[in-house]
Amino acid sequence: NAASFKELKKRLIHYKKNGIKMPNSFVEKYKQFVKIE
C-alpha cells in the first residue's frame, strides 16, 4: 500500500494548503496507515 499511501498523503497536503475540507474517508485511511506504521 506504499504507492496509494503516498498519493493519499499528497492529496491531503493539497486540501490543507488550499483550505478545502478533507473527505472523512481519506482522513480515516491516512490514520489507519499511520497506525500500522
PDB file of all heavy atoms in Angstrom:
ATOM      1  N   ASN A   1       0.801  -1.223   0.000  1.00  0.00           N
ATOM      2  CA  ASN A   1       0.000   0.000   0.000  1.00  0.00           C
ATOM      3  C   ASN A   1       0.833   1.272   0.000  1.00  0.00           C
ATOM      4  O   ASN A   1       0.306   2.366   0.224  1.00  0.00           O
ATOM      5  CB  ASN A   1      -0.931   0.001   1.216  1.00  0.00           C
ATOM      6  CG  ASN A   1      -1.958  -1.106   1.170  1.00  0.00           C
ATOM      7  OD1 ASN A   1      -3.000  -0.971   0.527  1.00  0.00           O
ATOM      8  ND2 ASN A   1      -1.657  -2.218   1.845  1.00  0.00           N
ATOM      9  N   ALA A   2       2.140   1.135  -0.227  1.00  0.00           N
ATOM     10  CA  ALA A   2       3.031   2.304  -0.164  1.00  0.00           C
ATOM     11  C   ALA A   2       2.649   3.364  -1.193  1.00  0.00           C
ATOM     12  O   ALA A   2       2.594   4.566  -0.889  1.00  0.00           O
ATOM     13  CB  ALA A   2       4.474   1.856  -0.354  1.00  0.00           C
ATOM     14  N   ALA A   3       2.378   2.945  -2.439  1.00  0.00           N
ATOM     15  CA  ALA A   3       2.066   3.900  -3.515  1.00  0.00           C
ATOM     16  C   ALA A   3       0.770   4.645  -3.227  1.00  0.00           C
ATOM     17  O   ALA A   3       0.691   5.877  -3.360  1.00  0.00           O
ATOM     18  CB  ALA A   3       1.977   3.153  -4.841  1.00  0.00           C
ATOM     19  N   SER A   4      -0.283   3.893  -2.830  1.00  0.00           N
ATOM     20  CA  SER A   4      -1.573   4.533  -2.549  1.00  0.00           C
ATOM     21  C   SER A   4      -1.482   5.460  -1.338  1.00  0.00           C
ATOM     22  O   SER A   4      -2.114   6.518  -1.293  1.00  0.00           O
ATOM     23  CB  SER A   4      -2.652   3.472  -2.320  1.00  0.00           C
ATOM     24  OG  SER A   4      -2.293   2.622  -1.252  1.00  0.00           O
ATOM     25  N   PHE A   5      -0.638   5.085  -0.328  1.00  0.00           N
ATOM     26  CA  PHE A   5      -0.456   5.947   0.840  1.00  0.00           C
ATOM     27  C   PHE A   5       0.243   7.248   0.454  1.00  0.00           C
ATOM     28  O   PHE A   5      -0.119   8.336   0.925  1.00  0.00           O
ATOM     29  CB  PHE A   5       0.362   5.206   1.913  1.00  0.00           C
ATOM     30  CG  PHE A   5       0.694   6.061   3.110  1.00  0.00           C
ATOM     31  CD1 PHE A   5      -0.303   6.483   3.977  1.00  0.00           C
ATOM     32  CD2 PHE A   5       2.004   6.468   3.339  1.00  0.00           C
ATOM     33  CE1 PHE A   5       0.005   7.278   5.071  1.00  0.00           C
ATOM     34  CE2 PHE A   5       2.305   7.258   4.426  1.00  0.00           C
ATOM     35  CZ  PHE A   5       1.307   7.668   5.296  1.00  0.00           C
ATOM     36  N   LYS A   6       1.238   7.142  -0.464  1.00  0.00           N
ATOM     37  CA  LYS A   6       1.971   8.328  -0.926  1.00  0.00           C
ATOM     38  C   LYS A   6       1.029   9.286  -1.662  1.00  0.00           C
ATOM     39  O   LYS A   6       1.059  10.508  -1.465  1.00  0.00           O
ATOM     40  CB  LYS A   6       3.121   7.893  -1.835  1.00  0.00           C
ATOM     41  CG  LYS A   6       4.056   9.011  -2.231  1.00  0.00           C
ATOM     42  CD  LYS A   6       5.214   8.446  -3.042  1.00  0.00           C
ATOM     43  CE  LYS A   6       6.162   9.573  -3.443  1.00  0.00           C
ATOM     44  NZ  LYS A   6       7.293   9.062  -4.279  1.00  0.00           N
ATOM     45  N   GLU A   7       0.158   8.714  -2.489  1.00  0.00           N
ATOM     46  CA  GLU A   7      -0.817   9.523  -3.230  1.00  0.00           C
ATOM     47  C   GLU A   7      -1.834  10.153  -2.277  1.00  0.00           C
ATOM     48  O   GLU A   7      -2.195  11.335  -2.421  1.00  0.00           O
ATOM     49  CB  GLU A   7      -1.535   8.629  -4.256  1.00  0.00           C
ATOM     50  CG  GLU A   7      -2.592   9.333  -5.088  1.00  0.00           C
ATOM     51  CD  GLU A   7      -2.020  10.446  -5.947  1.00  0.00           C
ATOM     52  OE1 GLU A   7      -0.828  10.375  -6.325  1.00  0.00           O
ATOM     53  OE2 GLU A   7      -2.764  11.408  -6.245  1.00  0.00           O
ATOM     54  N   LEU A   8      -2.282   9.392  -1.286  1.00  0.00           N
ATOM     55  CA  LEU A   8      -3.242   9.886  -0.303  1.00  0.00           C
ATOM     56  C   LEU A   8      -2.656  11.041   0.497  1.00  0.00           C
ATOM     57  O   LEU A   8      -3.304  12.079   0.723  1.00  0.00           O
ATOM     58  CB  LEU A   8      -3.646   8.747   0.635  1.00  0.00           C
ATOM     59  CG  LEU A   8      -4.640   9.078   1.758  1.00  0.00           C
ATOM     60  CD1 LEU A   8      -5.964   9.557   1.192  1.00  0.00           C
ATOM     61  CD2 LEU A   8      -4.853   7.857   2.644  1.00  0.00           C
ATOM     62  N   LYS A   9      -1.420  10.883   0.895  1.00  0.00           N
ATOM     63  CA  LYS A   9      -0.735  11.920   1.671  1.00  0.00           C
ATOM     64  C   LYS A   9      -0.611  13.202   0.848  1.00  0.00           C
ATOM     65  O   LYS A   9      -0.798  14.321   1.348  1.00  0.00           O
ATOM     66  CB  LYS A   9       0.640  11.407   2.106  1.00  0.00           C
ATOM     67  CG  LYS A   9       1.354  12.302   3.092  1.00  0.00           C
ATOM     68  CD  LYS A   9       2.652  11.647   3.559  1.00  0.00           C
ATOM     69  CE  LYS A   9       3.357  12.537   4.562  1.00  0.00           C
ATOM     70  NZ  LYS A   9       4.637  11.939   4.998  1.00  0.00           N
ATOM     71  N   LYS A  10      -0.282  13.040  -0.453  1.00  0.00           N
ATOM     72  CA  LYS A  10      -0.115  14.176  -1.373  1.00  0.00           C
ATOM     73  C   LYS A  10      -1.438  14.950  -1.496  1.00  0.00           C
ATOM     74  O   LYS A  10      -1.473  16.180  -1.476  1.00  0.00           O
ATOM     75  CB  LYS A  10       0.333  13.637  -2.729  1.00  0.00           C
ATOM     76  CG  LYS A  10       0.691  14.698  -3.748  1.00  0.00           C
ATOM     77  CD  LYS A  10       1.182  14.015  -5.025  1.00  0.00           C
ATOM     78  CE  LYS A  10       1.477  15.073  -6.094  1.00  0.00           C
ATOM     79  NZ  LYS A  10       1.935  14.428  -7.360  1.00  0.00           N
ATOM     80  N   ARG A  11      -2.568  14.203  -1.598  1.00  0.00           N
ATOM     81  CA  ARG A  11      -3.875  14.842  -1.714  1.00  0.00           C
ATOM     82  C   ARG A  11      -4.251  15.605  -0.444  1.00  0.00           C
ATOM     83  O   ARG A  11      -4.780  16.720  -0.509  1.00  0.00           O
ATOM     84  CB  ARG A  11      -4.937  13.777  -2.002  1.00  0.00           C
ATOM     85  CG  ARG A  11      -4.903  13.233  -3.409  1.00  0.00           C
ATOM     86  CD  ARG A  11      -6.114  12.369  -3.641  1.00  0.00           C
ATOM     87  NE  ARG A  11      -6.099  11.791  -4.962  1.00  0.00           N
ATOM     88  CZ  ARG A  11      -7.128  11.089  -5.476  1.00  0.00           C
ATOM     89  NH1 ARG A  11      -8.222  10.905  -4.734  1.00  0.00           N
ATOM     90  NH2 ARG A  11      -7.040  10.587  -6.686  1.00  0.00           N
ATOM     91  N   LEU A  12      -3.983  15.007   0.684  1.00  0.00           N
ATOM     92  CA  LEU A  12      -4.328  15.652   1.958  1.00  0.00           C
ATOM     93  C   LEU A  12      -3.554  16.959   2.141  1.00  0.00           C
ATOM     94  O   LEU A  12      -4.086  17.951   2.658  1.00  0.00           O
ATOM     95  CB  LEU A  12      -4.066  14.697   3.133  1.00  0.00           C
ATOM     96  CG  LEU A  12      -5.011  13.487   3.236  1.00  0.00           C
ATOM     97  CD1 LEU A  12      -4.570  12.557   4.370  1.00  0.00           C
ATOM     98  CD2 LEU A  12      -6.459  13.947   3.482  1.00  0.00           C
ATOM     99  N   ILE A  13      -2.280  16.969   1.736  1.00  0.00           N
ATOM    100  CA  ILE A  13      -1.470  18.192   1.816  1.00  0.00           C
ATOM    101  C   ILE A  13      -2.071  19.267   0.902  1.00  0.00           C
ATOM    102  O   ILE A  13      -2.160  20.456   1.256  1.00  0.00           O
ATOM    103  CB  ILE A  13      -0.008  17.899   1.431  1.00  0.00           C
ATOM    104  CG1 ILE A  13       0.650  17.006   2.507  1.00  0.00           C
ATOM    105  CG2 ILE A  13       0.782  19.185   1.264  1.00  0.00           C
ATOM    106  CD1 ILE A  13       1.999  16.455   2.110  1.00  0.00           C
ATOM    107  N   HIS A  14      -2.514  18.836  -0.277  1.00  0.00           N
ATOM    108  CA  HIS A  14      -3.136  19.768  -1.234  1.00  0.00           C
ATOM    109  C   HIS A  14      -4.410  20.368  -0.646  1.00  0.00           C
ATOM    110  O   HIS A  14      -4.639  21.597  -0.725  1.00  0.00           O
ATOM    111  CB  HIS A  14      -3.437  19.029  -2.543  1.00  0.00           C
ATOM    112  CG  HIS A  14      -4.248  19.834  -3.511  1.00  0.00           C
ATOM    113  ND1 HIS A  14      -3.709  20.887  -4.227  1.00  0.00           N
ATOM    114  CD2 HIS A  14      -5.567  19.738  -3.860  1.00  0.00           C
ATOM    115  CE1 HIS A  14      -4.672  21.430  -4.980  1.00  0.00           C
ATOM    116  NE2 HIS A  14      -5.812  20.721  -4.788  1.00  0.00           N
ATOM    117  N   TYR A  15      -5.272  19.502  -0.054  1.00  0.00           N
ATOM    118  CA  TYR A  15      -6.511  20.004   0.521  1.00  0.00           C
ATOM    119  C   TYR A  15      -6.247  21.019   1.637  1.00  0.00           C
ATOM    120  O   TYR A  15      -6.887  22.062   1.739  1.00  0.00           O
ATOM    121  CB  TYR A  15      -7.330  18.839   1.091  1.00  0.00           C
ATOM    122  CG  TYR A  15      -7.992  17.956   0.046  1.00  0.00           C
ATOM    123  CD1 TYR A  15      -8.087  16.581   0.226  1.00  0.00           C
ATOM    124  CD2 TYR A  15      -8.525  18.516  -1.126  1.00  0.00           C
ATOM    125  CE1 TYR A  15      -8.691  15.768  -0.728  1.00  0.00           C
ATOM    126  CE2 TYR A  15      -9.122  17.709  -2.086  1.00  0.00           C
ATOM    127  CZ  TYR A  15      -9.199  16.347  -1.889  1.00  0.00           C
ATOM    128  OH  TYR A  15      -9.790  15.553  -2.824  1.00  0.00           O
ATOM    129  N   LYS A  16      -5.285  20.675   2.475  1.00  0.00           N
ATOM    130  CA  LYS A  16      -4.973  21.544   3.614  1.00  0.00           C
ATOM    131  C   LYS A  16      -4.421  22.886   3.159  1.00  0.00           C
ATOM    132  O   LYS A  16      -4.766  23.947   3.682  1.00  0.00           O
ATOM    133  CB  LYS A  16      -3.974  20.830   4.541  1.00  0.00           C
ATOM    134  CG  LYS A  16      -3.746  21.546   5.855  1.00  0.00           C
ATOM    135  CD  LYS A  16      -2.865  20.718   6.766  1.00  0.00           C
ATOM    136  CE  LYS A  16      -2.694  21.400   8.108  1.00  0.00           C
ATOM    137  NZ  LYS A  16      -1.825  20.618   9.008  1.00  0.00           N
ATOM    138  N   LYS A  17      -3.549  22.838   2.143  1.00  0.00           N
ATOM    139  CA  LYS A  17      -2.907  24.056   1.622  1.00  0.00           C
ATOM    140  C   LYS A  17      -3.934  25.006   0.999  1.00  0.00           C
ATOM    141  O   LYS A  17      -3.817  26.236   1.093  1.00  0.00           O
ATOM    142  CB  LYS A  17      -1.856  23.654   0.589  1.00  0.00           C
ATOM    143  CG  LYS A  17      -0.998  24.800   0.081  1.00  0.00           C
ATOM    144  CD  LYS A  17       0.064  24.265  -0.863  1.00  0.00           C
ATOM    145  CE  LYS A  17       0.940  25.419  -1.373  1.00  0.00           C
ATOM    146  NZ  LYS A  17       1.973  24.909  -2.313  1.00  0.00           N
ATOM    147  N   ASN A  18      -4.975  24.458   0.365  1.00  0.00           N
ATOM    148  CA  ASN A  18      -5.975  25.269  -0.329  1.00  0.00           C
ATOM    149  C   ASN A  18      -7.242  25.489   0.495  1.00  0.00           C
ATOM    150  O   ASN A  18      -8.234  26.020  -0.023  1.00  0.00           O
ATOM    151  CB  ASN A  18      -6.336  24.611  -1.668  1.00  0.00           C
ATOM    152  CG  ASN A  18      -5.171  24.637  -2.648  1.00  0.00           C
ATOM    153  OD1 ASN A  18      -4.884  25.659  -3.255  1.00  0.00           O
ATOM    154  ND2 ASN A  18      -4.488  23.499  -2.777  1.00  0.00           N
ATOM    155  N   GLY A  19      -7.198  25.076   1.765  1.00  0.00           N
ATOM    156  CA  GLY A  19      -8.326  25.329   2.658  1.00  0.00           C
ATOM    157  C   GLY A  19      -9.560  24.548   2.324  1.00  0.00           C
ATOM    158  O   GLY A  19     -10.683  24.975   2.628  1.00  0.00           O
ATOM    159  N   ILE A  20      -9.373  23.421   1.663  1.00  0.00           N
ATOM    160  CA  ILE A  20     -10.514  22.573   1.294  1.00  0.00           C
ATOM    161  C   ILE A  20     -10.720  21.521   2.383  1.00  0.00           C
ATOM    162  O   ILE A  20      -9.759  20.920   2.869  1.00  0.00           O
ATOM    163  CB  ILE A  20     -10.259  21.878  -0.069  1.00  0.00           C
ATOM    164  CG1 ILE A  20      -9.994  22.930  -1.153  1.00  0.00           C
ATOM    165  CG2 ILE A  20     -11.432  20.989  -0.450  1.00  0.00           C
ATOM    166  CD1 ILE A  20      -9.497  22.335  -2.457  1.00  0.00           C
ATOM    167  N   LYS A  21     -11.992  21.320   2.725  1.00  0.00           N
ATOM    168  CA  LYS A  21     -12.298  20.315   3.746  1.00  0.00           C
ATOM    169  C   LYS A  21     -11.941  18.928   3.229  1.00  0.00           C
ATOM    170  O   LYS A  21     -12.365  18.530   2.145  1.00  0.00           O
ATOM    171  CB  LYS A  21     -13.780  20.355   4.102  1.00  0.00           C
ATOM    172  CG  LYS A  21     -14.133  19.400   5.240  1.00  0.00           C
ATOM    173  CD  LYS A  21     -15.605  19.471   5.589  1.00  0.00           C
ATOM    174  CE  LYS A  21     -15.927  18.489   6.698  1.00  0.00           C
ATOM    175  NZ  LYS A  21     -17.362  18.491   7.026  1.00  0.00           N
ATOM    176  N   MET A  22     -11.167  18.210   4.038  1.00  0.00           N
ATOM    177  CA  MET A  22     -10.702  16.877   3.633  1.00  0.00           C
ATOM    178  C   MET A  22     -11.820  15.850   3.818  1.00  0.00           C
ATOM    179  O   MET A  22     -12.482  15.847   4.866  1.00  0.00           O
ATOM    180  CB  MET A  22      -9.478  16.475   4.451  1.00  0.00           C
ATOM    181  CG  MET A  22      -8.252  17.322   4.166  1.00  0.00           C
ATOM    182  SD  MET A  22      -6.833  16.853   5.171  1.00  0.00           S
ATOM    183  CE  MET A  22      -7.223  17.711   6.693  1.00  0.00           C
ATOM    184  N   PRO A  23     -12.020  14.977   2.839  1.00  0.00           N
ATOM    185  CA  PRO A  23     -13.042  13.915   2.988  1.00  0.00           C
ATOM    186  C   PRO A  23     -12.718  13.008   4.175  1.00  0.00           C
ATOM    187  O   PRO A  23     -11.551  12.634   4.381  1.00  0.00           O
ATOM    188  CB  PRO A  23     -12.946  13.149   1.664  1.00  0.00           C
ATOM    189  CG  PRO A  23     -12.289  14.089   0.715  1.00  0.00           C
ATOM    190  CD  PRO A  23     -11.373  14.936   1.527  1.00  0.00           C
ATOM    191  N   ASN A  24     -13.726  12.645   4.944  1.00  0.00           N
ATOM    192  CA  ASN A  24     -13.523  11.800   6.128  1.00  0.00           C
ATOM    193  C   ASN A  24     -12.915  10.447   5.778  1.00  0.00           C
ATOM    194  O   ASN A  24     -12.121   9.884   6.528  1.00  0.00           O
ATOM    195  CB  ASN A  24     -14.852  11.583   6.852  1.00  0.00           C
ATOM    196  CG  ASN A  24     -15.305  12.827   7.585  1.00  0.00           C
ATOM    197  OD1 ASN A  24     -14.479  13.678   7.920  1.00  0.00           O
ATOM    198  ND2 ASN A  24     -16.603  12.961   7.799  1.00  0.00           N
ATOM    199  N   SER A  25     -13.305   9.906   4.648  1.00  0.00           N
ATOM    200  CA  SER A  25     -12.778   8.597   4.239  1.00  0.00           C
ATOM    201  C   SER A  25     -11.273   8.659   4.016  1.00  0.00           C
ATOM    202  O   SER A  25     -10.540   7.733   4.367  1.00  0.00           O
ATOM    203  CB  SER A  25     -13.473   8.117   2.972  1.00  0.00           C
ATOM    204  OG  SER A  25     -13.270   9.036   1.912  1.00  0.00           O
ATOM    205  N   PHE A  26     -10.775   9.813   3.456  1.00  0.00           N
ATOM    206  CA  PHE A  26      -9.335   9.991   3.251  1.00  0.00           C
ATOM    207  C   PHE A  26      -8.611  10.072   4.590  1.00  0.00           C
ATOM    208  O   PHE A  26      -7.548   9.479   4.778  1.00  0.00           O
ATOM    209  CB  PHE A  26      -9.073  11.264   2.431  1.00  0.00           C
ATOM    210  CG  PHE A  26      -9.336  11.101   0.948  1.00  0.00           C
ATOM    211  CD1 PHE A  26     -10.078  10.038   0.453  1.00  0.00           C
ATOM    212  CD2 PHE A  26      -8.821  12.033   0.041  1.00  0.00           C
ATOM    213  CE1 PHE A  26     -10.325   9.889  -0.905  1.00  0.00           C
ATOM    214  CE2 PHE A  26      -9.060  11.892  -1.319  1.00  0.00           C
ATOM    215  CZ  PHE A  26      -9.809  10.822  -1.794  1.00  0.00           C
ATOM    216  N   VAL A  27      -9.200  10.855   5.488  1.00  0.00           N
ATOM    217  CA  VAL A  27      -8.575  11.052   6.816  1.00  0.00           C
ATOM    218  C   VAL A  27      -8.480   9.725   7.561  1.00  0.00           C
ATOM    219  O   VAL A  27      -7.453   9.400   8.164  1.00  0.00           O
ATOM    220  CB  VAL A  27      -9.377  12.083   7.649  1.00  0.00           C
ATOM    221  CG1 VAL A  27      -8.813  12.168   9.074  1.00  0.00           C
ATOM    222  CG2 VAL A  27      -9.337  13.447   6.990  1.00  0.00           C
ATOM    223  N   GLU A  28      -9.567   8.932   7.545  1.00  0.00           N
ATOM    224  CA  GLU A  28      -9.581   7.652   8.244  1.00  0.00           C
ATOM    225  C   GLU A  28      -8.546   6.685   7.679  1.00  0.00           C
ATOM    226  O   GLU A  28      -7.854   5.974   8.418  1.00  0.00           O
ATOM    227  CB  GLU A  28     -10.971   7.016   8.166  1.00  0.00           C
ATOM    228  CG  GLU A  28     -12.018   7.699   9.023  1.00  0.00           C
ATOM    229  CD  GLU A  28     -11.633   7.718  10.492  1.00  0.00           C
ATOM    230  OE1 GLU A  28     -11.148   6.678  11.007  1.00  0.00           O
ATOM    231  OE2 GLU A  28     -11.789   8.770  11.131  1.00  0.00           O
ATOM    232  N   LYS A  29      -8.440   6.647   6.308  1.00  0.00           N
ATOM    233  CA  LYS A  29      -7.442   5.776   5.678  1.00  0.00           C
ATOM    234  C   LYS A  29      -6.031   6.197   6.055  1.00  0.00           C
ATOM    235  O   LYS A  29      -5.156   5.355   6.297  1.00  0.00           O
ATOM    236  CB  LYS A  29      -7.604   5.819   4.156  1.00  0.00           C
ATOM    237  CG  LYS A  29      -8.769   5.000   3.642  1.00  0.00           C
ATOM    238  CD  LYS A  29      -8.853   5.049   2.131  1.00  0.00           C
ATOM    239  CE  LYS A  29     -10.033   4.225   1.615  1.00  0.00           C
ATOM    240  NZ  LYS A  29     -10.128   4.283   0.144  1.00  0.00           N
ATOM    241  N   TYR A  30      -5.795   7.494   6.122  1.00  0.00           N
ATOM    242  CA  TYR A  30      -4.471   8.016   6.480  1.00  0.00           C
ATOM    243  C   TYR A  30      -4.122   7.618   7.930  1.00  0.00           C
ATOM    244  O   TYR A  30      -3.023   7.138   8.219  1.00  0.00           O
ATOM    245  CB  TYR A  30      -4.456   9.541   6.333  1.00  0.00           C
ATOM    246  CG  TYR A  30      -3.129  10.160   6.724  1.00  0.00           C
ATOM    247  CD1 TYR A  30      -2.033  10.104   5.865  1.00  0.00           C
ATOM    248  CD2 TYR A  30      -2.972  10.779   7.960  1.00  0.00           C
ATOM    249  CE1 TYR A  30      -0.818  10.657   6.226  1.00  0.00           C
ATOM    250  CE2 TYR A  30      -1.762  11.326   8.339  1.00  0.00           C
ATOM    251  CZ  TYR A  30      -0.687  11.273   7.460  1.00  0.00           C
ATOM    252  OH  TYR A  30       0.511  11.813   7.826  1.00  0.00           O
ATOM    253  N   LYS A  31      -5.094   7.806   8.829  1.00  0.00           N
ATOM    254  CA  LYS A  31      -4.871   7.464  10.240  1.00  0.00           C
ATOM    255  C   LYS A  31      -4.596   5.961  10.393  1.00  0.00           C
ATOM    256  O   LYS A  31      -3.753   5.546  11.190  1.00  0.00           O
ATOM    257  CB  LYS A  31      -6.098   7.843  11.075  1.00  0.00           C
ATOM    258  CG  LYS A  31      -6.223   9.335  11.329  1.00  0.00           C
ATOM    259  CD  LYS A  31      -7.438   9.615  12.207  1.00  0.00           C
ATOM    260  CE  LYS A  31      -7.548  11.101  12.530  1.00  0.00           C
ATOM    261  NZ  LYS A  31      -8.753  11.393  13.332  1.00  0.00           N
ATOM    262  N   GLN A  32      -5.336   5.172   9.622  1.00  0.00           N
ATOM    263  CA  GLN A  32      -5.163   3.718   9.698  1.00  0.00           C
ATOM    264  C   GLN A  32      -3.763   3.300   9.258  1.00  0.00           C
ATOM    265  O   GLN A  32      -3.125   2.447   9.879  1.00  0.00           O
ATOM    266  CB  GLN A  32      -6.214   3.041   8.815  1.00  0.00           C
ATOM    267  CG  GLN A  32      -6.249   1.524   8.970  1.00  0.00           C
ATOM    268  CD  GLN A  32      -7.334   0.890   8.124  1.00  0.00           C
ATOM    269  OE1 GLN A  32      -7.927   1.540   7.261  1.00  0.00           O
ATOM    270  NE2 GLN A  32      -7.590  -0.372   8.354  1.00  0.00           N
ATOM    271  N   PHE A  33      -3.259   3.934   8.202  1.00  0.00           N
ATOM    272  CA  PHE A  33      -1.922   3.610   7.704  1.00  0.00           C
ATOM    273  C   PHE A  33      -0.849   4.031   8.701  1.00  0.00           C
ATOM    274  O   PHE A  33       0.106   3.300   8.958  1.00  0.00           O
ATOM    275  CB  PHE A  33      -1.690   4.300   6.345  1.00  0.00           C
ATOM    276  CG  PHE A  33      -0.616   3.655   5.533  1.00  0.00           C
ATOM    277  CD1 PHE A  33      -0.917   2.623   4.637  1.00  0.00           C
ATOM    278  CD2 PHE A  33       0.714   4.030   5.669  1.00  0.00           C
ATOM    279  CE1 PHE A  33       0.086   2.002   3.899  1.00  0.00           C
ATOM    280  CE2 PHE A  33       1.718   3.414   4.939  1.00  0.00           C
ATOM    281  CZ  PHE A  33       1.401   2.398   4.037  1.00  0.00           C
ATOM    282  N   VAL A  34      -1.020   5.219   9.281  1.00  0.00           N
ATOM    283  CA  VAL A  34      -0.067   5.697  10.302  1.00  0.00           C
ATOM    284  C   VAL A  34      -0.047   4.749  11.500  1.00  0.00           C
ATOM    285  O   VAL A  34       1.011   4.454  12.066  1.00  0.00           O
ATOM    286  CB  VAL A  34      -0.427   7.136  10.743  1.00  0.00           C
ATOM    287  CG1 VAL A  34       0.391   7.533  11.969  1.00  0.00           C
ATOM    288  CG2 VAL A  34      -0.186   8.123   9.612  1.00  0.00           C
ATOM    289  N   LYS A  35      -1.229   4.271  11.869  1.00  0.00           N
ATOM    290  CA  LYS A  35      -1.338   3.337  12.998  1.00  0.00           C
ATOM    291  C   LYS A  35      -0.572   2.048  12.712  1.00  0.00           C
ATOM    292  O   LYS A  35       0.102   1.494  13.587  1.00  0.00           O
ATOM    293  CB  LYS A  35      -2.816   3.039  13.259  1.00  0.00           C
ATOM    294  CG  LYS A  35      -3.077   2.241  14.522  1.00  0.00           C
ATOM    295  CD  LYS A  35      -4.560   2.066  14.740  1.00  0.00           C
ATOM    296  CE  LYS A  35      -4.822   1.254  16.000  1.00  0.00           C
ATOM    297  NZ  LYS A  35      -6.285   1.056  16.222  1.00  0.00           N
ATOM    298  N   ILE A  36      -0.677   1.561  11.449  1.00  0.00           N
ATOM    299  CA  ILE A  36       0.050   0.343  11.057  1.00  0.00           C
ATOM    300  C   ILE A  36       1.553   0.565  11.160  1.00  0.00           C
ATOM    301  O   ILE A  36       2.301  -0.287  11.648  1.00  0.00           O
ATOM    302  CB  ILE A  36      -0.350  -0.072   9.633  1.00  0.00           C
ATOM    303  CG1 ILE A  36      -1.801  -0.594   9.619  1.00  0.00           C
ATOM    304  CG2 ILE A  36       0.589  -1.149   9.086  1.00  0.00           C
ATOM    305  CD1 ILE A  36      -2.363  -0.833   8.240  1.00  0.00           C
ATOM    306  N   GLU A  37       2.023   1.734  10.710  1.00  0.00           N
ATOM    307  CA  GLU A  37       3.458   2.055  10.771  1.00  0.00           C
ATOM    308  C   GLU A  37       3.957   2.094  12.218  1.00  0.00           C
ATOM    309  O   GLU A  37       5.034   1.575  12.530  1.00  0.00           O
ATOM    310  CB  GLU A  37       3.715   3.402  10.092  1.00  0.00           C
ATOM    311  CG  GLU A  37       3.703   3.337   8.575  1.00  0.00           C
ATOM    312  CD  GLU A  37       4.129   4.642   7.928  1.00  0.00           C
ATOM    313  OE1 GLU A  37       3.727   5.710   8.449  1.00  0.00           O
ATOM    314  OE2 GLU A  37       4.865   4.599   6.930  1.00  0.00           O
TER     315      GLU A  37
END
